[in-house]
Amino acid sequence: MKGATNCEYCINYIYDEDWNCYQCDINLDEDEMRKFLTDSFYDCPYFQFNDEYKIVRKQI
């Protein structure tokens, strides 16, 4: 997916009950983590749209 990505719509952005916050489930390296924390992680190569209705569309 090209263009700016929004972590809130990513399947890898999960809620951590231990820390009571959302976090990226991908193991980011040091440079990627800095970009993520400073909110400048655009065109994320790990972005996968969280489309929970994808399976339902295949059943139709």
PDB file of N, CA and C in Angstrom:
ATOM      1  N   MET A   1       0.851  -1.174   0.000  1.00  0.00           N
ATOM      2  CA  MET A   1       0.000   0.000   0.000  1.00  0.00           C
ATOM      3  C   MET A   1       0.894   1.234   0.000  1.00  0.00           C
ATOM      4  N   LYS A   2       0.770   2.032  -1.028  1.00  0.00           N
ATOM      5  CA  LYS A   2       1.572   3.245  -1.129  1.00  0.00           C
ATOM      6  C   LYS A   2       0.854   4.401  -0.450  1.00  0.00           C
ATOM      7  N   GLY A   3       1.609   5.437  -0.102  1.00  0.00           N
ATOM      8  CA  GLY A   3       1.045   6.598   0.563  1.00  0.00           C
ATOM      9  C   GLY A   3       1.205   6.492   2.059  1.00  0.00           C
ATOM     10  N   ALA A   4       0.773   7.528   2.732  1.00  0.00           N
ATOM     11  CA  ALA A   4       0.875   7.546   4.193  1.00  0.00           C
ATOM     12  C   ALA A   4      -0.022   6.474   4.791  1.00  0.00           C
ATOM     13  N   THR A   5       0.476   5.775   5.767  1.00  0.00           N
ATOM     14  CA  THR A   5      -0.296   4.727   6.420  1.00  0.00           C
ATOM     15  C   THR A   5      -0.701   5.187   7.811  1.00  0.00           C
ATOM     16  N   ASN A   6      -1.780   4.652   8.295  1.00  0.00           N
ATOM     17  CA  ASN A   6      -2.284   4.994   9.609  1.00  0.00           C
ATOM     18  C   ASN A   6      -2.228   3.732  10.468  1.00  0.00           C
ATOM     19  N   CYS A   7      -1.454   3.756  11.531  1.00  0.00           N
ATOM     20  CA  CYS A   7      -1.271   2.575  12.374  1.00  0.00           C
ATOM     21  C   CYS A   7      -2.582   2.051  12.947  1.00  0.00           C
ATOM     22  N   GLU A   8      -3.544   2.920  13.162  1.00  0.00           N
ATOM     23  CA  GLU A   8      -4.804   2.489  13.753  1.00  0.00           C
ATOM     24  C   GLU A   8      -5.550   1.493  12.875  1.00  0.00           C
ATOM     25  N   TYR A   9      -5.269   1.476  11.576  1.00  0.00           N
ATOM     26  CA  TYR A   9      -5.935   0.563  10.654  1.00  0.00           C
ATOM     27  C   TYR A   9      -5.082  -0.651  10.321  1.00  0.00           C
ATOM     28  N   CYS A  10      -3.931  -0.776  10.940  1.00  0.00           N
ATOM     29  CA  CYS A  10      -3.009  -1.872  10.652  1.00  0.00           C
ATOM     30  C   CYS A  10      -3.327  -3.088  11.519  1.00  0.00           C
ATOM     31  N   ILE A  11      -3.197  -4.264  10.921  1.00  0.00           N
ATOM     32  CA  ILE A  11      -3.456  -5.504  11.651  1.00  0.00           C
ATOM     33  C   ILE A  11      -2.370  -5.770  12.705  1.00  0.00           C
ATOM     34  N   ASN A  12      -1.202  -5.138  12.544  1.00  0.00           N
ATOM     35  CA  ASN A  12      -0.085  -5.327  13.478  1.00  0.00           C
ATOM     36  C   ASN A  12      -0.130  -4.382  14.679  1.00  0.00           C
ATOM     37  N   TYR A  13      -1.073  -3.455  14.695  1.00  0.00           N
ATOM     38  CA  TYR A  13      -1.198  -2.481  15.786  1.00  0.00           C
ATOM     39  C   TYR A  13      -2.188  -3.054  16.803  1.00  0.00           C
ATOM     40  N   ILE A  14      -1.668  -3.656  17.867  1.00  0.00           N
ATOM     41  CA  ILE A  14      -2.510  -4.400  18.809  1.00  0.00           C
ATOM     42  C   ILE A  14      -2.512  -3.735  20.185  1.00  0.00           C
ATOM     43  N   TYR A  15      -3.543  -4.047  20.956  1.00  0.00           N
ATOM     44  CA  TYR A  15      -3.661  -3.524  22.314  1.00  0.00           C
ATOM     45  C   TYR A  15      -2.929  -4.443  23.274  1.00  0.00           C
ATOM     46  N   ASP A  16      -2.037  -3.886  24.063  1.00  0.00           N
ATOM     47  CA  ASP A  16      -1.287  -4.642  25.060  1.00  0.00           C
ATOM     48  C   ASP A  16      -1.931  -4.396  26.416  1.00  0.00           C
ATOM     49  N   GLU A  17      -2.551  -5.422  26.961  1.00  0.00           N
ATOM     50  CA  GLU A  17      -3.256  -5.275  28.238  1.00  0.00           C
ATOM     51  C   GLU A  17      -2.302  -5.053  29.412  1.00  0.00           C
ATOM     52  N   ASP A  18      -1.074  -5.536  29.301  1.00  0.00           N
ATOM     53  CA  ASP A  18      -0.099  -5.333  30.373  1.00  0.00           C
ATOM     54  C   ASP A  18       0.302  -3.862  30.489  1.00  0.00           C
ATOM     55  N   TRP A  19       0.449  -3.184  29.349  1.00  0.00           N
ATOM     56  CA  TRP A  19       0.877  -1.787  29.325  1.00  0.00           C
ATOM     57  C   TRP A  19      -0.298  -0.833  29.164  1.00  0.00           C
ATOM     58  N   ASN A  20      -1.501  -1.356  28.914  1.00  0.00           N
ATOM     59  CA  ASN A  20      -2.715  -0.548  28.718  1.00  0.00           C
ATOM     60  C   ASN A  20      -2.556   0.478  27.598  1.00  0.00           C
ATOM     61  N   CYS A  21      -2.003   0.040  26.481  1.00  0.00           N
ATOM     62  CA  CYS A  21      -1.853   0.918  25.325  1.00  0.00           C
ATOM     63  C   CYS A  21      -1.720   0.079  24.064  1.00  0.00           C
ATOM     64  N   TYR A  22      -1.833   0.751  22.928  1.00  0.00           N
ATOM     65  CA  TYR A  22      -1.630   0.089  21.639  1.00  0.00           C
ATOM     66  C   TYR A  22      -0.167   0.163  21.267  1.00  0.00           C
ATOM     67  N   GLN A  23       0.300  -0.890  20.588  1.00  0.00           N
ATOM     68  CA  GLN A  23       1.683  -0.890  20.137  1.00  0.00           C
ATOM     69  C   GLN A  23       1.813  -1.738  18.881  1.00  0.00           C
ATOM     70  N   CYS A  24       2.875  -1.478  18.144  1.00  0.00           N
ATOM     71  CA  CYS A  24       3.146  -2.222  16.920  1.00  0.00           C
ATOM     72  C   CYS A  24       3.707  -3.589  17.304  1.00  0.00           C
ATOM     73  N   ASP A  25       3.147  -4.639  16.702  1.00  0.00           N
ATOM     74  CA  ASP A  25       3.551  -6.001  17.021  1.00  0.00           C
ATOM     75  C   ASP A  25       4.779  -6.450  16.223  1.00  0.00           C
ATOM     76  N   ILE A  26       5.226  -5.635  15.293  1.00  0.00           N
ATOM     77  CA  ILE A  26       6.386  -5.962  14.462  1.00  0.00           C
ATOM     78  C   ILE A  26       7.667  -5.603  15.216  1.00  0.00           C
ATOM     79  N   ASN A  27       8.679  -6.448  15.089  1.00  0.00           N
ATOM     80  CA  ASN A  27       9.986  -6.165  15.685  1.00  0.00           C
ATOM     81  C   ASN A  27      10.681  -5.103  14.841  1.00  0.00           C
ATOM     82  N   LEU A  28      10.624  -3.861  15.273  1.00  0.00           N
ATOM     83  CA  LEU A  28      11.232  -2.760  14.534  1.00  0.00           C
ATOM     84  C   LEU A  28      12.687  -2.600  14.942  1.00  0.00           C
ATOM     85  N   ASP A  29      13.528  -2.236  13.968  1.00  0.00           N
ATOM     86  CA  ASP A  29      14.916  -1.953  14.336  1.00  0.00           C
ATOM     87  C   ASP A  29      14.988  -0.552  14.949  1.00  0.00           C
ATOM     88  N   GLU A  30      16.171  -0.134  15.353  1.00  0.00           N
ATOM     89  CA  GLU A  30      16.328   1.122  16.093  1.00  0.00           C
ATOM     90  C   GLU A  30      15.854   2.343  15.294  1.00  0.00           C
ATOM     91  N   ASP A  31      16.193   2.400  14.012  1.00  0.00           N
ATOM     92  CA  ASP A  31      15.782   3.534  13.181  1.00  0.00           C
ATOM     93  C   ASP A  31      14.272   3.551  12.960  1.00  0.00           C
ATOM     94  N   GLU A  32      13.694   2.380  12.709  1.00  0.00           N
ATOM     95  CA  GLU A  32      12.246   2.299  12.509  1.00  0.00           C
ATOM     96  C   GLU A  32      11.497   2.660  13.791  1.00  0.00           C
ATOM     97  N   MET A  33      12.009   2.245  14.929  1.00  0.00           N
ATOM     98  CA  MET A  33      11.363   2.559  16.206  1.00  0.00           C
ATOM     99  C   MET A  33      11.400   4.059  16.472  1.00  0.00           C
ATOM    100  N   ARG A  34      12.509   4.711  16.144  1.00  0.00           N
ATOM    101  CA  ARG A  34      12.596   6.160  16.328  1.00  0.00           C
ATOM    102  C   ARG A  34      11.557   6.864  15.463  1.00  0.00           C
ATOM    103  N   LYS A  35      11.422   6.434  14.224  1.00  0.00           N
ATOM    104  CA  LYS A  35      10.420   7.020  13.336  1.00  0.00           C
ATOM    105  C   LYS A  35       9.009   6.773  13.871  1.00  0.00           C
ATOM    106  N   PHE A  36       8.763   5.566  14.367  1.00  0.00           N
ATOM    107  CA  PHE A  36       7.446   5.218  14.902  1.00  0.00           C
ATOM    108  C   PHE A  36       7.107   6.086  16.112  1.00  0.00           C
ATOM    109  N   LEU A  37       8.047   6.262  17.014  1.00  0.00           N
ATOM    110  CA  LEU A  37       7.798   7.026  18.233  1.00  0.00           C
ATOM    111  C   LEU A  37       7.669   8.526  17.978  1.00  0.00           C
ATOM    112  N   THR A  38       8.292   9.018  16.923  1.00  0.00           N
ATOM    113  CA  THR A  38       8.183  10.446  16.601  1.00  0.00           C
ATOM    114  C   THR A  38       7.071  10.714  15.597  1.00  0.00           C
ATOM    115  N   ASP A  39       6.248   9.708  15.327  1.00  0.00           N
ATOM    116  CA  ASP A  39       5.094   9.821  14.430  1.00  0.00           C
ATOM    117  C   ASP A  39       5.508  10.257  13.024  1.00  0.00           C
ATOM    118  N   SER A  40       6.636   9.740  12.546  1.00  0.00           N
ATOM    119  CA  SER A  40       7.076  10.045  11.189  1.00  0.00           C
ATOM    120  C   SER A  40       7.359   8.754  10.412  1.00  0.00           C
ATOM    121  N   PHE A  41       6.628   7.700  10.720  1.00  0.00           N
ATOM    122  CA  PHE A  41       6.823   6.397  10.080  1.00  0.00           C
ATOM    123  C   PHE A  41       5.813   6.261   8.948  1.00  0.00           C
ATOM    124  N   TYR A  42       6.093   6.958   7.833  1.00  0.00           N
ATOM    125  CA  TYR A  42       5.204   6.932   6.671  1.00  0.00           C
ATOM    126  C   TYR A  42       5.659   5.851   5.695  1.00  0.00           C
ATOM    127  N   ASP A  43       4.739   5.350   4.913  1.00  0.00           N
ATOM    128  CA  ASP A  43       5.010   4.260   3.977  1.00  0.00           C
ATOM    129  C   ASP A  43       5.594   3.055   4.705  1.00  0.00           C
ATOM    130  N   CYS A  44       4.958   2.662   5.757  1.00  0.00           N
ATOM    131  CA  CYS A  44       5.418   1.523   6.550  1.00  0.00           C
ATOM    132  C   CYS A  44       5.422   0.260   5.689  1.00  0.00           C
ATOM    133  N   PRO A  45       6.552  -0.422   5.610  1.00  0.00           N
ATOM    134  CA  PRO A  45       6.603  -1.638   4.787  1.00  0.00           C
ATOM    135  C   PRO A  45       5.853  -2.810   5.419  1.00  0.00           C
ATOM    136  N   TYR A  46       5.485  -2.694   6.670  1.00  0.00           N
ATOM    137  CA  TYR A  46       4.801  -3.779   7.371  1.00  0.00           C
ATOM    138  C   TYR A  46       3.288  -3.564   7.478  1.00  0.00           C
ATOM    139  N   PHE A  47       2.793  -2.468   6.923  1.00  0.00           N
ATOM    140  CA  PHE A  47       1.378  -2.140   7.029  1.00  0.00           C
ATOM    141  C   PHE A  47       0.529  -3.179   6.308  1.00  0.00           C
ATOM    142  N   GLN A  48      -0.460  -3.714   7.039  1.00  0.00           N
ATOM    143  CA  GLN A  48      -1.455  -4.619   6.463  1.00  0.00           C
ATOM    144  C   GLN A  48      -2.806  -4.135   6.946  1.00  0.00           C
ATOM    145  N   PHE A  49      -3.664  -3.804   5.998  1.00  0.00           N
ATOM    146  CA  PHE A  49      -4.964  -3.265   6.351  1.00  0.00           C
ATOM    147  C   PHE A  49      -5.757  -4.296   7.136  1.00  0.00           C
ATOM    148  N   ASN A  50      -6.300  -3.891   8.274  1.00  0.00           N
ATOM    149  CA  ASN A  50      -7.081  -4.765   9.140  1.00  0.00           C
ATOM    150  C   ASN A  50      -8.500  -4.858   8.588  1.00  0.00           C
ATOM    151  N   ASP A  51      -8.702  -5.773   7.656  1.00  0.00           N
ATOM    152  CA  ASP A  51      -9.993  -5.940   6.995  1.00  0.00           C
ATOM    153  C   ASP A  51     -10.651  -7.202   7.528  1.00  0.00           C
ATOM    154  N   GLU A  52     -11.411  -7.061   8.594  1.00  0.00           N
ATOM    155  CA  GLU A  52     -12.030  -8.226   9.214  1.00  0.00           C
ATOM    156  C   GLU A  52     -13.172  -8.815   8.395  1.00  0.00           C
ATOM    157  N   TYR A  53     -13.628  -8.123   7.347  1.00  0.00           N
ATOM    158  CA  TYR A  53     -14.703  -8.629   6.505  1.00  0.00           C
ATOM    159  C   TYR A  53     -14.183  -9.298   5.237  1.00  0.00           C
ATOM    160  N   LYS A  54     -12.886  -9.466   5.129  1.00  0.00           N
ATOM    161  CA  LYS A  54     -12.287 -10.052   3.933  1.00  0.00           C
ATOM    162  C   LYS A  54     -12.800 -11.483   3.695  1.00  0.00           C
ATOM    163  N   ILE A  55     -12.899 -12.280   4.734  1.00  0.00           N
ATOM    164  CA  ILE A  55     -13.366 -13.648   4.619  1.00  0.00           C
ATOM    165  C   ILE A  55     -14.845 -13.670   4.220  1.00  0.00           C
ATOM    166  N   VAL A  56     -15.618 -12.769   4.768  1.00  0.00           N
ATOM    167  CA  VAL A  56     -17.049 -12.724   4.467  1.00  0.00           C
ATOM    168  C   VAL A  56     -17.275 -12.441   2.989  1.00  0.00           C
ATOM    169  N   ARG A  57     -16.490 -11.556   2.407  1.00  0.00           N
ATOM    170  CA  ARG A  57     -16.627 -11.241   0.977  1.00  0.00           C
ATOM    171  C   ARG A  57     -16.329 -12.442   0.116  1.00  0.00           C
ATOM    172  N   LYS A  58     -15.425 -13.303   0.542  1.00  0.00           N
ATOM    173  CA  LYS A  58     -15.102 -14.513  -0.233  1.00  0.00           C
ATOM    174  C   LYS A  58     -16.231 -15.530  -0.177  1.00  0.00           C
ATOM    175  N   GLN A  59     -17.046 -15.494   0.861  1.00  0.00           N
ATOM    176  CA  GLN A  59     -18.125 -16.472   1.005  1.00  0.00           C
ATOM    177  C   GLN A  59     -19.325 -16.136   0.116  1.00  0.00           C
ATOM    178  N   ILE A  60     -19.404 -14.896  -0.315  1.00  0.00           N
ATOM    179  CA  ILE A  60     -20.556 -14.488  -1.119  1.00  0.00           C
ATOM    180  C   ILE A  60     -20.417 -14.955  -2.539  1.00  0.00           C
TER     181      ILE A  60
END
